[in-house]
Amino acid sequence: MRFFVTGEQRSKPLLNTLILMFLAYIALLWLSNGLMYFHKMDLSADSVVAYYLGSEADFTQPRSYQSLLEVSHFHLFSMGMLVLTLTHLMLMTQLPVTLKIWLSGLTYLSAIADEAGGWLVRFVHPTFAYFKIAAFLTLELCLAVLVIAVTLSLLQSRGQAGRVMT
């Protein structure tokens, strides 16, 4: 992080390249996250309810407590690390501080809400399907904005480094 605060990233093309490769990897993760969601459900509340509560028409069972717990256990750690890393990298961008605060907070909240949404649909009430859909879309949007903002910032730094070196 020190490299970004002091502006040293302009003279560290290898560091920039590694972070850009990480961001490309995260872009693939973002894409697969959306594909997995749409493989199981769509943006209708009925599809979300059917996924979590089961469907007699499709002969599917409700999601079990254990299966939700296993998914949550993995997701809470991995999404936490992902959001921490992306928001940490966002700190180096030229975005206004207020926007950085809002984007960071919204990203964390939407990640937690996305995870909680399935639990709420399954064990509280089916109308939480709308909450689950909104949380998923908000999380996907926030992750996309973070990846794009950091990528553009790094590419801008690389351009400035090229002008300084010539």
Protein backbone atom coordinates (compact mmCIF):
# COMPACT_ATOMS: atom_id res chain seq x y z
CA MET A 1 0.00 0.00 0.00
CA ARG A 2 2.93 2.30 0.69
CA PHE A 3 3.69 2.32 -3.03
CA PHE A 4 0.32 3.85 -3.81
CA VAL A 5 0.39 6.44 -1.06
CA THR A 6 3.84 7.71 -2.01
CA GLY A 7 3.20 7.50 -5.75
CA GLU A 8 5.93 4.91 -6.24
CA GLN A 9 3.57 2.76 -8.32
CA ARG A 10 4.44 4.99 -11.26
CA SER A 11 7.99 3.61 -11.14
CA LYS A 12 6.99 0.00 -10.34
CA PRO A 13 5.71 -1.48 -13.61
CA LEU A 14 6.02 -5.06 -12.31
CA LEU A 15 3.80 -4.28 -9.31
CA ASN A 16 1.26 -2.63 -11.62
CA THR A 17 1.34 -5.64 -13.93
CA LEU A 18 0.76 -8.07 -11.06
CA ILE A 19 -2.20 -6.05 -9.80
CA LEU A 20 -3.64 -5.81 -13.32
CA MET A 21 -3.34 -9.60 -13.64
CA PHE A 22 -5.13 -9.95 -10.29
CA LEU A 23 -7.89 -7.64 -11.53
CA ALA A 24 -8.27 -9.70 -14.71
CA TYR A 25 -8.62 -12.79 -12.52
CA ILE A 26 -11.25 -11.01 -10.41
CA ALA A 27 -13.10 -10.00 -13.58
CA LEU A 28 -13.33 -13.70 -14.45
CA LEU A 29 -14.55 -14.42 -10.91
CA TRP A 30 -17.17 -11.67 -11.32
CA LEU A 31 -18.32 -13.22 -14.59
CA SER A 32 -18.51 -16.74 -13.17
CA ASN A 33 -20.42 -15.44 -10.14
CA GLY A 34 -23.08 -14.03 -12.43
CA LEU A 35 -23.16 -17.17 -14.56
CA MET A 36 -23.58 -19.36 -11.48
CA TYR A 37 -26.41 -17.18 -10.18
CA PHE A 38 -28.24 -17.28 -13.51
CA HIS A 39 -27.68 -21.01 -13.82
CA LYS A 40 -29.63 -21.52 -10.58
CA MET A 41 -32.08 -18.59 -10.69
CA ASP A 42 -33.07 -15.51 -12.63
CA LEU A 43 -34.10 -12.02 -11.56
CA SER A 44 -37.64 -13.06 -10.71
CA ALA A 45 -38.69 -13.58 -7.11
CA ASP A 46 -40.38 -16.85 -8.07
CA SER A 47 -37.12 -18.38 -9.27
CA VAL A 48 -35.31 -17.33 -6.08
CA VAL A 49 -38.10 -18.76 -3.92
CA ALA A 50 -38.09 -22.01 -5.92
CA TYR A 51 -34.32 -22.33 -5.53
CA TYR A 52 -34.32 -21.86 -1.75
CA LEU A 53 -37.69 -23.39 -0.84
CA GLY A 54 -37.77 -26.12 -3.46
CA SER A 55 -40.32 -26.72 -6.17
CA GLU A 56 -42.80 -29.55 -6.48
CA ALA A 57 -43.12 -28.83 -10.19
CA ASP A 58 -39.35 -29.25 -10.70
CA PHE A 59 -39.00 -31.98 -8.04
CA THR A 60 -36.38 -29.97 -6.11
CA GLN A 61 -35.91 -29.99 -2.36
CA PRO A 62 -35.55 -26.91 -0.17
CA ARG A 63 -31.98 -25.87 0.61
CA SER A 64 -30.96 -27.47 3.87
CA TYR A 65 -29.56 -25.68 6.88
CA GLN A 66 -26.30 -27.59 6.43
CA SER A 67 -25.91 -26.70 2.75
CA LEU A 68 -26.58 -23.01 3.43
CA LEU A 69 -24.13 -23.10 6.35
CA GLU A 70 -21.39 -24.69 4.22
CA VAL A 71 -21.83 -22.13 1.46
CA SER A 72 -21.93 -19.25 3.96
CA HIS A 73 -18.83 -20.50 5.75
CA PHE A 74 -16.80 -20.42 2.55
CA HIS A 75 -18.36 -17.24 1.15
CA LEU A 76 -18.01 -15.16 4.30
CA PHE A 77 -14.26 -15.69 4.30
CA SER A 78 -13.61 -15.51 0.56
CA MET A 79 -15.91 -12.56 -0.13
CA GLY A 80 -14.48 -10.77 2.89
CA MET A 81 -10.95 -11.18 1.52
CA LEU A 82 -12.03 -10.15 -1.96
CA VAL A 83 -13.84 -7.03 -0.77
CA LEU A 84 -10.97 -6.12 1.56
CA THR A 85 -8.45 -6.44 -1.27
CA LEU A 86 -10.48 -4.50 -3.82
CA THR A 87 -11.43 -1.68 -1.44
CA HIS A 88 -7.80 -1.51 -0.28
CA LEU A 89 -6.64 -1.14 -3.88
CA MET A 90 -9.36 1.45 -4.50
CA LEU A 91 -7.71 3.69 -1.91
CA MET A 92 -4.95 4.43 -4.43
CA THR A 93 -7.33 5.81 -7.02
CA GLN A 94 -8.11 9.47 -7.52
CA LEU A 95 -11.78 8.97 -6.60
CA PRO A 96 -13.10 11.48 -4.06
CA VAL A 97 -12.79 10.30 -0.46
CA THR A 98 -16.54 10.50 0.06
CA LEU A 99 -17.12 8.21 -2.92
CA LYS A 100 -14.47 5.80 -1.62
CA ILE A 101 -16.25 5.62 1.74
CA TRP A 102 -19.68 5.07 0.18
CA LEU A 103 -18.44 2.52 -2.33
CA SER A 104 -16.54 0.59 0.35
CA GLY A 105 -19.51 0.55 2.71
CA LEU A 106 -21.96 -0.40 -0.02
CA THR A 107 -19.70 -3.21 -1.21
CA TYR A 108 -19.36 -4.71 2.28
CA LEU A 109 -23.08 -4.35 2.99
CA SER A 110 -24.14 -5.87 -0.32
CA ALA A 111 -21.76 -8.81 0.15
CA ILE A 112 -23.25 -9.53 3.57
CA ALA A 113 -26.79 -8.93 2.30
CA ASP A 114 -26.24 -11.27 -0.65
CA GLU A 115 -25.18 -14.02 1.72
CA ALA A 116 -28.01 -13.31 4.17
CA GLY A 117 -30.62 -13.16 1.41
CA GLY A 118 -30.77 -16.90 0.89
CA TRP A 119 -31.10 -17.55 4.61
CA LEU A 120 -33.89 -15.01 4.86
CA VAL A 121 -35.81 -16.52 1.94
CA ARG A 122 -35.38 -20.03 3.28
CA PHE A 123 -36.05 -19.49 6.99
CA VAL A 124 -37.92 -16.17 7.39
CA HIS A 125 -40.22 -15.34 4.47
CA PRO A 126 -40.29 -15.81 0.67
CA THR A 127 -40.67 -12.06 0.03
CA PHE A 128 -37.01 -11.71 0.98
CA ALA A 129 -36.40 -12.96 -2.57
CA TYR A 130 -36.56 -9.31 -3.68
CA PHE A 131 -33.92 -8.48 -1.08
CA LYS A 132 -31.72 -11.33 -2.39
CA ILE A 133 -32.04 -10.10 -5.98
CA ALA A 134 -31.27 -6.49 -5.02
CA ALA A 135 -28.28 -7.56 -2.91
CA PHE A 136 -26.87 -9.70 -5.75
CA LEU A 137 -27.23 -6.90 -8.32
CA THR A 138 -25.74 -4.31 -5.95
CA LEU A 139 -22.79 -6.55 -5.14
CA GLU A 140 -22.11 -7.28 -8.80
CA LEU A 141 -22.30 -3.57 -9.63
CA CYS A 142 -19.98 -2.59 -6.76
CA LEU A 143 -17.41 -5.24 -7.69
CA ALA A 144 -17.48 -4.12 -11.32
CA VAL A 145 -17.00 -0.47 -10.33
CA LEU A 146 -14.09 -1.38 -8.04
CA VAL A 147 -12.34 -3.47 -10.69
CA ILE A 148 -12.83 -0.80 -13.36
CA ALA A 149 -11.75 2.08 -11.10
CA VAL A 150 -8.56 0.34 -9.97
CA THR A 151 -7.76 -0.85 -13.50
CA LEU A 152 -8.17 2.64 -14.96
CA SER A 153 -6.06 4.11 -12.18
CA LEU A 154 -3.25 1.63 -12.83
CA LEU A 155 -3.38 2.14 -16.57
CA GLN A 156 -3.23 5.90 -16.01
CA SER A 157 -0.19 5.42 -13.75
CA ARG A 158 1.50 3.30 -16.40
CA GLY A 159 0.90 6.03 -18.97
CA GLN A 160 2.40 8.65 -16.68
CA ALA A 161 5.40 6.39 -15.98
CA GLY A 162 5.98 5.97 -19.71
CA ARG A 163 6.01 9.74 -20.20
CA VAL A 164 8.41 10.23 -17.27
CA MET A 165 10.85 7.61 -18.58
CA THR A 166 10.99 9.02 -22.13
